[in-house]
Amino acid sequence: MSIFQPPDDPAYLAWLDANPNGYVINTERGGRQYVMLHRATCNYMRRFPPFIGPSYIKICSTSLDQLEEWALQHIGRAAPRCNAPGSNCWR
């Protein structure tokens, strides 16, 4: 599986820059309450730093199928796709 969990904000931002056609799951660290699937180019993926910390992590992949499989295995359900106003994520 080509899944990348960046350890910190610089690694995450570098991954976004290197993989503009990739995908990102934003989720709670160790939790299953909040999960959202974004495209790497989504406006919200760079909007509210810090991006990785005690509360949230990012799971990244260039494969949508593999990222969706990761969500099922680790969160127990599919990750809903971002539809935030002005995000330009899936449109």
PDB file of N, CA and C in Angstrom:
ATOM      1  N   MET A   1       0.829  -1.177   0.000  1.00  0.00           N
ATOM      2  CA  MET A   1       0.000   0.000   0.000  1.00  0.00           C
ATOM      3  C   MET A   1       0.876   1.244   0.000  1.00  0.00           C
ATOM      4  N   SER A   2       0.565   2.197  -0.819  1.00  0.00           N
ATOM      5  CA  SER A   2       1.340   3.434  -0.865  1.00  0.00           C
ATOM      6  C   SER A   2       0.654   4.505  -0.016  1.00  0.00           C
ATOM      7  N   ILE A   3       0.642   4.264   1.279  1.00  0.00           N
ATOM      8  CA  ILE A   3       0.036   5.175   2.247  1.00  0.00           C
ATOM      9  C   ILE A   3       1.166   5.892   2.976  1.00  0.00           C
ATOM     10  N   PHE A   4       1.018   7.199   3.151  1.00  0.00           N
ATOM     11  CA  PHE A   4       2.017   7.993   3.853  1.00  0.00           C
ATOM     12  C   PHE A   4       1.327   8.760   4.975  1.00  0.00           C
ATOM     13  N   GLN A   5       1.837   8.587   6.189  1.00  0.00           N
ATOM     14  CA  GLN A   5       1.352   9.358   7.328  1.00  0.00           C
ATOM     15  C   GLN A   5       2.466  10.315   7.726  1.00  0.00           C
ATOM     16  N   PRO A   6       2.362  11.570   7.302  1.00  0.00           N
ATOM     17  CA  PRO A   6       3.434  12.518   7.596  1.00  0.00           C
ATOM     18  C   PRO A   6       3.601  12.733   9.101  1.00  0.00           C
ATOM     19  N   PRO A   7       4.845  12.804   9.555  1.00  0.00           N
ATOM     20  CA  PRO A   7       5.092  12.960  10.985  1.00  0.00           C
ATOM     21  C   PRO A   7       4.912  14.393  11.495  1.00  0.00           C
ATOM     22  N   ASP A   8       4.953  15.362  10.573  1.00  0.00           N
ATOM     23  CA  ASP A   8       4.872  16.753  11.003  1.00  0.00           C
ATOM     24  C   ASP A   8       4.411  17.630   9.833  1.00  0.00           C
ATOM     25  N   ASP A   9       4.184  18.900  10.122  1.00  0.00           N
ATOM     26  CA  ASP A   9       3.682  19.819   9.102  1.00  0.00           C
ATOM     27  C   ASP A   9       4.616  19.980   7.906  1.00  0.00           C
ATOM     28  N   PRO A  10       5.939  20.145   8.097  1.00  0.00           N
ATOM     29  CA  PRO A  10       6.812  20.278   6.918  1.00  0.00           C
ATOM     30  C   PRO A  10       6.741  19.060   5.987  1.00  0.00           C
ATOM     31  N   ALA A  11       6.701  17.865   6.548  1.00  0.00           N
ATOM     32  CA  ALA A  11       6.601  16.652   5.715  1.00  0.00           C
ATOM     33  C   ALA A  11       5.261  16.596   4.993  1.00  0.00           C
ATOM     34  N   TYR A  12       4.203  16.997   5.683  1.00  0.00           N
ATOM     35  CA  TYR A  12       2.869  17.020   5.072  1.00  0.00           C
ATOM     36  C   TYR A  12       2.815  18.011   3.916  1.00  0.00           C
ATOM     37  N   LEU A  13       3.289  19.227   4.139  1.00  0.00           N
ATOM     38  CA  LEU A  13       3.265  20.244   3.080  1.00  0.00           C
ATOM     39  C   LEU A  13       4.141  19.842   1.898  1.00  0.00           C
ATOM     40  N   ALA A  14       5.270  19.211   2.162  1.00  0.00           N
ATOM     41  CA  ALA A  14       6.131  18.716   1.078  1.00  0.00           C
ATOM     42  C   ALA A  14       5.413  17.646   0.274  1.00  0.00           C
ATOM     43  N   TRP A  15       4.666  16.756   0.960  1.00  0.00           N
ATOM     44  CA  TRP A  15       3.921  15.719   0.245  1.00  0.00           C
ATOM     45  C   TRP A  15       2.854  16.352  -0.645  1.00  0.00           C
ATOM     46  N   LEU A  16       2.114  17.339  -0.118  1.00  0.00           N
ATOM     47  CA  LEU A  16       1.098  18.016  -0.938  1.00  0.00           C
ATOM     48  C   LEU A  16       1.726  18.633  -2.182  1.00  0.00           C
ATOM     49  N   ASP A  17       2.859  19.297  -2.019  1.00  0.00           N
ATOM     50  CA  ASP A  17       3.532  19.931  -3.161  1.00  0.00           C
ATOM     51  C   ASP A  17       3.983  18.902  -4.194  1.00  0.00           C
ATOM     52  N   ALA A  18       4.445  17.761  -3.732  1.00  0.00           N
ATOM     53  CA  ALA A  18       4.965  16.723  -4.639  1.00  0.00           C
ATOM     54  C   ALA A  18       3.862  15.871  -5.262  1.00  0.00           C
ATOM     55  N   ASN A  19       2.644  15.915  -4.695  1.00  0.00           N
ATOM     56  CA  ASN A  19       1.560  15.031  -5.148  1.00  0.00           C
ATOM     57  C   ASN A  19       0.247  15.792  -5.348  1.00  0.00           C
ATOM     58  N   PRO A  20       0.208  16.736  -6.268  1.00  0.00           N
ATOM     59  CA  PRO A  20      -1.008  17.535  -6.452  1.00  0.00           C
ATOM     60  C   PRO A  20      -2.212  16.715  -6.921  1.00  0.00           C
ATOM     61  N   ASN A  21      -1.987  15.528  -7.433  1.00  0.00           N
ATOM     62  CA  ASN A  21      -3.087  14.658  -7.852  1.00  0.00           C
ATOM     63  C   ASN A  21      -3.427  13.615  -6.785  1.00  0.00           C
ATOM     64  N   GLY A  22      -2.898  13.796  -5.582  1.00  0.00           N
ATOM     65  CA  GLY A  22      -3.113  12.839  -4.510  1.00  0.00           C
ATOM     66  C   GLY A  22      -4.360  13.140  -3.694  1.00  0.00           C
ATOM     67  N   TYR A  23      -4.495  12.376  -2.605  1.00  0.00           N
ATOM     68  CA  TYR A  23      -5.674  12.446  -1.740  1.00  0.00           C
ATOM     69  C   TYR A  23      -5.224  12.431  -0.282  1.00  0.00           C
ATOM     70  N   VAL A  24      -6.039  13.019   0.573  1.00  0.00           N
ATOM     71  CA  VAL A  24      -5.693  13.132   1.988  1.00  0.00           C
ATOM     72  C   VAL A  24      -6.919  12.825   2.843  1.00  0.00           C
ATOM     73  N   ILE A  25      -6.726  11.988   3.847  1.00  0.00           N
ATOM     74  CA  ILE A  25      -7.739  11.814   4.878  1.00  0.00           C
ATOM     75  C   ILE A  25      -7.300  12.645   6.075  1.00  0.00           C
ATOM     76  N   ASN A  26      -8.197  13.472   6.548  1.00  0.00           N
ATOM     77  CA  ASN A  26      -7.995  14.247   7.771  1.00  0.00           C
ATOM     78  C   ASN A  26      -8.830  13.552   8.848  1.00  0.00           C
ATOM     79  N   THR A  27      -8.179  13.159   9.929  1.00  0.00           N
ATOM     80  CA  THR A  27      -8.901  12.429  10.969  1.00  0.00           C
ATOM     81  C   THR A  27      -8.306  12.702  12.339  1.00  0.00           C
ATOM     82  N   GLU A  28      -9.058  12.366  13.356  1.00  0.00           N
ATOM     83  CA  GLU A  28      -8.588  12.505  14.717  1.00  0.00           C
ATOM     84  C   GLU A  28      -7.511  11.476  15.016  1.00  0.00           C
ATOM     85  N   ARG A  29      -6.575  11.866  15.811  1.00  0.00           N
ATOM     86  CA  ARG A  29      -5.527  10.944  16.246  1.00  0.00           C
ATOM     87  C   ARG A  29      -6.148   9.930  17.208  1.00  0.00           C
ATOM     88  N   GLY A  30      -6.107   8.658  16.831  1.00  0.00           N
ATOM     89  CA  GLY A  30      -6.608   7.599  17.692  1.00  0.00           C
ATOM     90  C   GLY A  30      -8.117   7.524  17.814  1.00  0.00           C
ATOM     91  N   GLY A  31      -8.823   8.343  17.082  1.00  0.00           N
ATOM     92  CA  GLY A  31     -10.269   8.341  17.215  1.00  0.00           C
ATOM     93  C   GLY A  31     -10.970   7.938  15.937  1.00  0.00           C
ATOM     94  N   ARG A  32     -12.259   7.843  16.024  1.00  0.00           N
ATOM     95  CA  ARG A  32     -13.049   7.454  14.860  1.00  0.00           C
ATOM     96  C   ARG A  32     -14.233   8.386  14.655  1.00  0.00           C
ATOM     97  N   GLN A  33     -14.269   9.473  15.404  1.00  0.00           N
ATOM     98  CA  GLN A  33     -15.404  10.376  15.294  1.00  0.00           C
ATOM     99  C   GLN A  33     -15.343  11.209  14.015  1.00  0.00           C
ATOM    100  N   TYR A  34     -14.234  11.908  13.810  1.00  0.00           N
ATOM    101  CA  TYR A  34     -14.125  12.807  12.665  1.00  0.00           C
ATOM    102  C   TYR A  34     -13.201  12.193  11.621  1.00  0.00           C
ATOM    103  N   VAL A  35     -13.683  12.162  10.397  1.00  0.00           N
ATOM    104  CA  VAL A  35     -12.860  11.724   9.264  1.00  0.00           C
ATOM    105  C   VAL A  35     -13.415  12.395   8.007  1.00  0.00           C
ATOM    106  N   MET A  36     -12.503  12.887   7.157  1.00  0.00           N
ATOM    107  CA  MET A  36     -12.917  13.539   5.914  1.00  0.00           C
ATOM    108  C   MET A  36     -11.867  13.271   4.837  1.00  0.00           C
ATOM    109  N   LEU A  37     -12.340  12.966   3.648  1.00  0.00           N
ATOM    110  CA  LEU A  37     -11.474  12.695   2.499  1.00  0.00           C
ATOM    111  C   LEU A  37     -11.410  13.936   1.618  1.00  0.00           C
ATOM    112  N   HIS A  38     -10.192  14.328   1.271  1.00  0.00           N
ATOM    113  CA  HIS A  38      -9.958  15.517   0.443  1.00  0.00           C
ATOM    114  C   HIS A  38      -9.035  15.171  -0.723  1.00  0.00           C
ATOM    115  N   ARG A  39      -9.101  15.969  -1.754  1.00  0.00           N
ATOM    116  CA  ARG A  39      -8.056  15.977  -2.771  1.00  0.00           C
ATOM    117  C   ARG A  39      -6.897  16.795  -2.221  1.00  0.00           C
ATOM    118  N   ALA A  40      -5.699  16.507  -2.677  1.00  0.00           N
ATOM    119  CA  ALA A  40      -4.527  17.247  -2.193  1.00  0.00           C
ATOM    120  C   ALA A  40      -4.625  18.734  -2.530  1.00  0.00           C
ATOM    121  N   THR A  41      -5.373  19.073  -3.554  1.00  0.00           N
ATOM    122  CA  THR A  41      -5.507  20.473  -3.965  1.00  0.00           C
ATOM    123  C   THR A  41      -6.645  21.211  -3.259  1.00  0.00           C
ATOM    124  N   CYS A  42      -7.356  20.550  -2.368  1.00  0.00           N
ATOM    125  CA  CYS A  42      -8.457  21.179  -1.644  1.00  0.00           C
ATOM    126  C   CYS A  42      -7.946  22.401  -0.879  1.00  0.00           C
ATOM    127  N   ASN A  43      -8.660  23.497  -0.982  1.00  0.00           N
ATOM    128  CA  ASN A  43      -8.274  24.727  -0.288  1.00  0.00           C
ATOM    129  C   ASN A  43      -8.125  24.527   1.217  1.00  0.00           C
ATOM    130  N   TYR A  44      -8.879  23.618   1.789  1.00  0.00           N
ATOM    131  CA  TYR A  44      -8.865  23.407   3.226  1.00  0.00           C
ATOM    132  C   TYR A  44      -7.638  22.639   3.711  1.00  0.00           C
ATOM    133  N   MET A  45      -6.896  22.012   2.820  1.00  0.00           N
ATOM    134  CA  MET A  45      -5.753  21.209   3.226  1.00  0.00           C
ATOM    135  C   MET A  45      -4.556  22.041   3.665  1.00  0.00           C
ATOM    136  N   ARG A  46      -4.582  23.340   3.379  1.00  0.00           N
ATOM    137  CA  ARG A  46      -3.495  24.240   3.795  1.00  0.00           C
ATOM    138  C   ARG A  46      -4.031  25.425   4.596  1.00  0.00           C
ATOM    139  N   ARG A  47      -5.258  25.339   5.006  1.00  0.00           N
ATOM    140  CA  ARG A  47      -5.930  26.521   5.540  1.00  0.00           C
ATOM    141  C   ARG A  47      -5.737  26.771   7.034  1.00  0.00           C
ATOM    142  N   PHE A  48      -5.689  25.737   7.839  1.00  0.00           N
ATOM    143  CA  PHE A  48      -5.706  25.924   9.288  1.00  0.00           C
ATOM    144  C   PHE A  48      -4.547  25.206   9.972  1.00  0.00           C
ATOM    145  N   PRO A  49      -3.346  25.780   9.934  1.00  0.00           N
ATOM    146  CA  PRO A  49      -2.239  25.144  10.650  1.00  0.00           C
ATOM    147  C   PRO A  49      -2.427  25.277  12.161  1.00  0.00           C
ATOM    148  N   PRO A  50      -1.828  24.417  12.947  1.00  0.00           N
ATOM    149  CA  PRO A  50      -1.012  23.292  12.514  1.00  0.00           C
ATOM    150  C   PRO A  50      -1.887  22.184  11.937  1.00  0.00           C
ATOM    151  N   PHE A  51      -1.320  21.450  11.019  1.00  0.00           N
ATOM    152  CA  PHE A  51      -2.067  20.415  10.302  1.00  0.00           C
ATOM    153  C   PHE A  51      -1.995  19.060  10.998  1.00  0.00           C
ATOM    154  N   ILE A  52      -0.882  18.826  11.670  1.00  0.00           N
ATOM    155  CA  ILE A  52      -0.656  17.559  12.375  1.00  0.00           C
ATOM    156  C   ILE A  52      -0.257  17.898  13.799  1.00  0.00           C
ATOM    157  N   GLY A  53      -0.871  17.241  14.737  1.00  0.00           N
ATOM    158  CA  GLY A  53      -0.560  17.543  16.126  1.00  0.00           C
ATOM    159  C   GLY A  53      -1.207  16.551  17.061  1.00  0.00           C
ATOM    160  N   PRO A  54      -1.453  16.984  18.299  1.00  0.00           N
ATOM    161  CA  PRO A  54      -2.009  16.052  19.275  1.00  0.00           C
ATOM    162  C   PRO A  54      -3.434  15.625  18.956  1.00  0.00           C
ATOM    163  N   SER A  55      -4.153  16.411  18.176  1.00  0.00           N
ATOM    164  CA  SER A  55      -5.559  16.094  17.900  1.00  0.00           C
ATOM    165  C   SER A  55      -5.796  15.460  16.539  1.00  0.00           C
ATOM    166  N   TYR A  56      -5.081  15.911  15.506  1.00  0.00           N
ATOM    167  CA  TYR A  56      -5.371  15.468  14.143  1.00  0.00           C
ATOM    168  C   TYR A  56      -4.140  14.926  13.439  1.00  0.00           C
ATOM    169  N   ILE A  57      -4.402  14.000  12.529  1.00  0.00           N
ATOM    170  CA  ILE A  57      -3.355  13.451  11.660  1.00  0.00           C
ATOM    171  C   ILE A  57      -3.850  13.520  10.228  1.00  0.00           C
ATOM    172  N   LYS A  58      -2.931  13.354   9.303  1.00  0.00           N
ATOM    173  CA  LYS A  58      -3.251  13.268   7.882  1.00  0.00           C
ATOM    174  C   LYS A  58      -2.736  11.926   7.378  1.00  0.00           C
ATOM    175  N   ILE A  59      -3.539  11.297   6.537  1.00  0.00           N
ATOM    176  CA  ILE A  59      -3.147  10.057   5.872  1.00  0.00           C
ATOM    177  C   ILE A  59      -3.195  10.363   4.380  1.00  0.00           C
ATOM    178  N   CYS A  60      -2.096  10.150   3.673  1.00  0.00           N
ATOM    179  CA  CYS A  60      -1.965  10.588   2.292  1.00  0.00           C
ATOM    180  C   CYS A  60      -1.686   9.414   1.364  1.00  0.00           C
ATOM    181  N   SER A  61      -2.164   9.543   0.123  1.00  0.00           N
ATOM    182  CA  SER A  61      -1.882   8.531  -0.891  1.00  0.00           C
ATOM    183  C   SER A  61      -2.161   9.111  -2.274  1.00  0.00           C
ATOM    184  N   THR A  62      -1.465   8.583  -3.255  1.00  0.00           N
ATOM    185  CA  THR A  62      -1.767   8.935  -4.639  1.00  0.00           C
ATOM    186  C   THR A  62      -2.849   8.028  -5.198  1.00  0.00           C
ATOM    187  N   SER A  63      -3.236   7.014  -4.434  1.00  0.00           N
ATOM    188  CA  SER A  63      -4.259   6.067  -4.865  1.00  0.00           C
ATOM    189  C   SER A  63      -5.531   6.260  -4.043  1.00  0.00           C
ATOM    190  N   LEU A  64      -6.595   6.700  -4.692  1.00  0.00           N
ATOM    191  CA  LEU A  64      -7.876   6.857  -4.008  1.00  0.00           C
ATOM    192  C   LEU A  64      -8.370   5.518  -3.471  1.00  0.00           C
ATOM    193  N   ASP A  65      -8.232   4.464  -4.239  1.00  0.00           N
ATOM    194  CA  ASP A  65      -8.667   3.137  -3.797  1.00  0.00           C
ATOM    195  C   ASP A  65      -7.946   2.702  -2.520  1.00  0.00           C
ATOM    196  N   GLN A  66      -6.643   2.901  -2.477  1.00  0.00           N
ATOM    197  CA  GLN A  66      -5.886   2.486  -1.300  1.00  0.00           C
ATOM    198  C   GLN A  66      -6.234   3.334  -0.079  1.00  0.00           C
ATOM    199  N   LEU A  67      -6.494   4.607  -0.290  1.00  0.00           N
ATOM    200  CA  LEU A  67      -6.870   5.465   0.830  1.00  0.00           C
ATOM    201  C   LEU A  67      -8.260   5.099   1.354  1.00  0.00           C
ATOM    202  N   GLU A  68      -9.172   4.793   0.457  1.00  0.00           N
ATOM    203  CA  GLU A  68     -10.500   4.355   0.888  1.00  0.00           C
ATOM    204  C   GLU A  68     -10.416   3.026   1.640  1.00  0.00           C
ATOM    205  N   GLU A  69      -9.556   2.137   1.198  1.00  0.00           N
ATOM    206  CA  GLU A  69      -9.343   0.861   1.905  1.00  0.00           C
ATOM    207  C   GLU A  69      -8.735   1.111   3.285  1.00  0.00           C
ATOM    208  N   TRP A  70      -7.797   2.056   3.372  1.00  0.00           N
ATOM    209  CA  TRP A  70      -7.207   2.404   4.662  1.00  0.00           C
ATOM    210  C   TRP A  70      -8.308   2.850   5.635  1.00  0.00           C
ATOM    211  N   ALA A  71      -9.220   3.693   5.180  1.00  0.00           N
ATOM    212  CA  ALA A  71     -10.302   4.179   6.037  1.00  0.00           C
ATOM    213  C   ALA A  71     -11.154   3.019   6.553  1.00  0.00           C
ATOM    214  N   LEU A  72     -11.490   2.101   5.680  1.00  0.00           N
ATOM    215  CA  LEU A  72     -12.296   0.955   6.105  1.00  0.00           C
ATOM    216  C   LEU A  72     -11.568   0.114   7.146  1.00  0.00           C
ATOM    217  N   GLN A  73     -10.277  -0.095   6.943  1.00  0.00           N
ATOM    218  CA  GLN A  73      -9.502  -0.935   7.856  1.00  0.00           C
ATOM    219  C   GLN A  73      -9.228  -0.260   9.194  1.00  0.00           C
ATOM    220  N   HIS A  74      -8.943   1.035   9.181  1.00  0.00           N
ATOM    221  CA  HIS A  74      -8.500   1.719  10.395  1.00  0.00           C
ATOM    222  C   HIS A  74      -9.586   2.513  11.114  1.00  0.00           C
ATOM    223  N   ILE A  75     -10.588   2.926  10.384  1.00  0.00           N
ATOM    224  CA  ILE A  75     -11.643   3.728  10.985  1.00  0.00           C
ATOM    225  C   ILE A  75     -12.952   2.937  11.045  1.00  0.00           C
ATOM    226  N   GLY A  76     -13.067   1.934  10.192  1.00  0.00           N
ATOM    227  CA  GLY A  76     -14.237   1.073  10.218  1.00  0.00           C
ATOM    228  C   GLY A  76     -15.389   1.542   9.356  1.00  0.00           C
ATOM    229  N   ARG A  77     -15.139   2.578   8.569  1.00  0.00           N
ATOM    230  CA  ARG A  77     -16.179   3.087   7.663  1.00  0.00           C
ATOM    231  C   ARG A  77     -15.531   3.911   6.568  1.00  0.00           C
ATOM    232  N   ALA A  78     -16.302   4.179   5.545  1.00  0.00           N
ATOM    233  CA  ALA A  78     -15.805   5.014   4.455  1.00  0.00           C
ATOM    234  C   ALA A  78     -15.662   6.449   4.930  1.00  0.00           C
ATOM    235  N   ALA A  79     -14.693   7.136   4.405  1.00  0.00           N
ATOM    236  CA  ALA A  79     -14.496   8.545   4.729  1.00  0.00           C
ATOM    237  C   ALA A  79     -15.356   9.393   3.795  1.00  0.00           C
ATOM    238  N   PRO A  80     -16.218  10.249   4.339  1.00  0.00           N
ATOM    239  CA  PRO A  80     -17.006  11.113   3.465  1.00  0.00           C
ATOM    240  C   PRO A  80     -16.105  12.099   2.732  1.00  0.00           C
ATOM    241  N   ARG A  81     -16.526  12.486   1.549  1.00  0.00           N
ATOM    242  CA  ARG A  81     -15.752  13.433   0.742  1.00  0.00           C
ATOM    243  C   ARG A  81     -16.077  14.867   1.134  1.00  0.00           C
ATOM    244  N   CYS A  82     -15.053  15.674   1.164  1.00  0.00           N
ATOM    245  CA  CYS A  82     -15.200  17.088   1.508  1.00  0.00           C
ATOM    246  C   CYS A  82     -16.168  17.772   0.544  1.00  0.00           C
ATOM    247  N   ASN A  83     -17.096  18.504   1.105  1.00  0.00           N
ATOM    248  CA  ASN A  83     -17.995  19.315   0.271  1.00  0.00           C
ATOM    249  C   ASN A  83     -18.136  20.711   0.871  1.00  0.00           C
ATOM    250  N   ALA A  84     -17.087  21.154   1.555  1.00  0.00           N
ATOM    251  CA  ALA A  84     -17.110  22.465   2.197  1.00  0.00           C
ATOM    252  C   ALA A  84     -17.253  23.571   1.139  1.00  0.00           C
ATOM    253  N   PRO A  85     -18.037  24.582   1.437  1.00  0.00           N
ATOM    254  CA  PRO A  85     -18.203  25.684   0.502  1.00  0.00           C
ATOM    255  C   PRO A  85     -16.868  26.344   0.176  1.00  0.00           C
ATOM    256  N   GLY A  86     -16.615  26.537  -1.098  1.00  0.00           N
ATOM    257  CA  GLY A  86     -15.381  27.178  -1.538  1.00  0.00           C
ATOM    258  C   GLY A  86     -14.150  26.310  -1.502  1.00  0.00           C
ATOM    259  N   SER A  87     -14.309  25.035  -1.177  1.00  0.00           N
ATOM    260  CA  SER A  87     -13.139  24.163  -1.071  1.00  0.00           C
ATOM    261  C   SER A  87     -12.576  23.756  -2.425  1.00  0.00           C
ATOM    262  N   ASN A  88     -13.447  23.711  -3.438  1.00  0.00           N
ATOM    263  CA  ASN A  88     -13.028  23.281  -4.765  1.00  0.00           C
ATOM    264  C   ASN A  88     -12.475  21.863  -4.741  1.00  0.00           C
ATOM    265  N   CYS A  89     -12.911  21.066  -3.802  1.00  0.00           N
ATOM    266  CA  CYS A  89     -12.315  19.754  -3.578  1.00  0.00           C
ATOM    267  C   CYS A  89     -12.723  18.725  -4.629  1.00  0.00           C
ATOM    268  N   TRP A  90     -13.998  18.433  -4.752  1.00  0.00           N
ATOM    269  CA  TRP A  90     -14.436  17.372  -5.658  1.00  0.00           C
ATOM    270  C   TRP A  90     -15.200  17.900  -6.859  1.00  0.00           C
ATOM    271  N   ARG A  91     -15.182  19.181  -7.085  1.00  0.00           N
ATOM    272  CA  ARG A  91     -15.918  19.767  -8.195  1.00  0.00           C
ATOM    273  C   ARG A  91     -15.075  19.921  -9.412  1.00  0.00           C
TER     274      ARG A  91
END
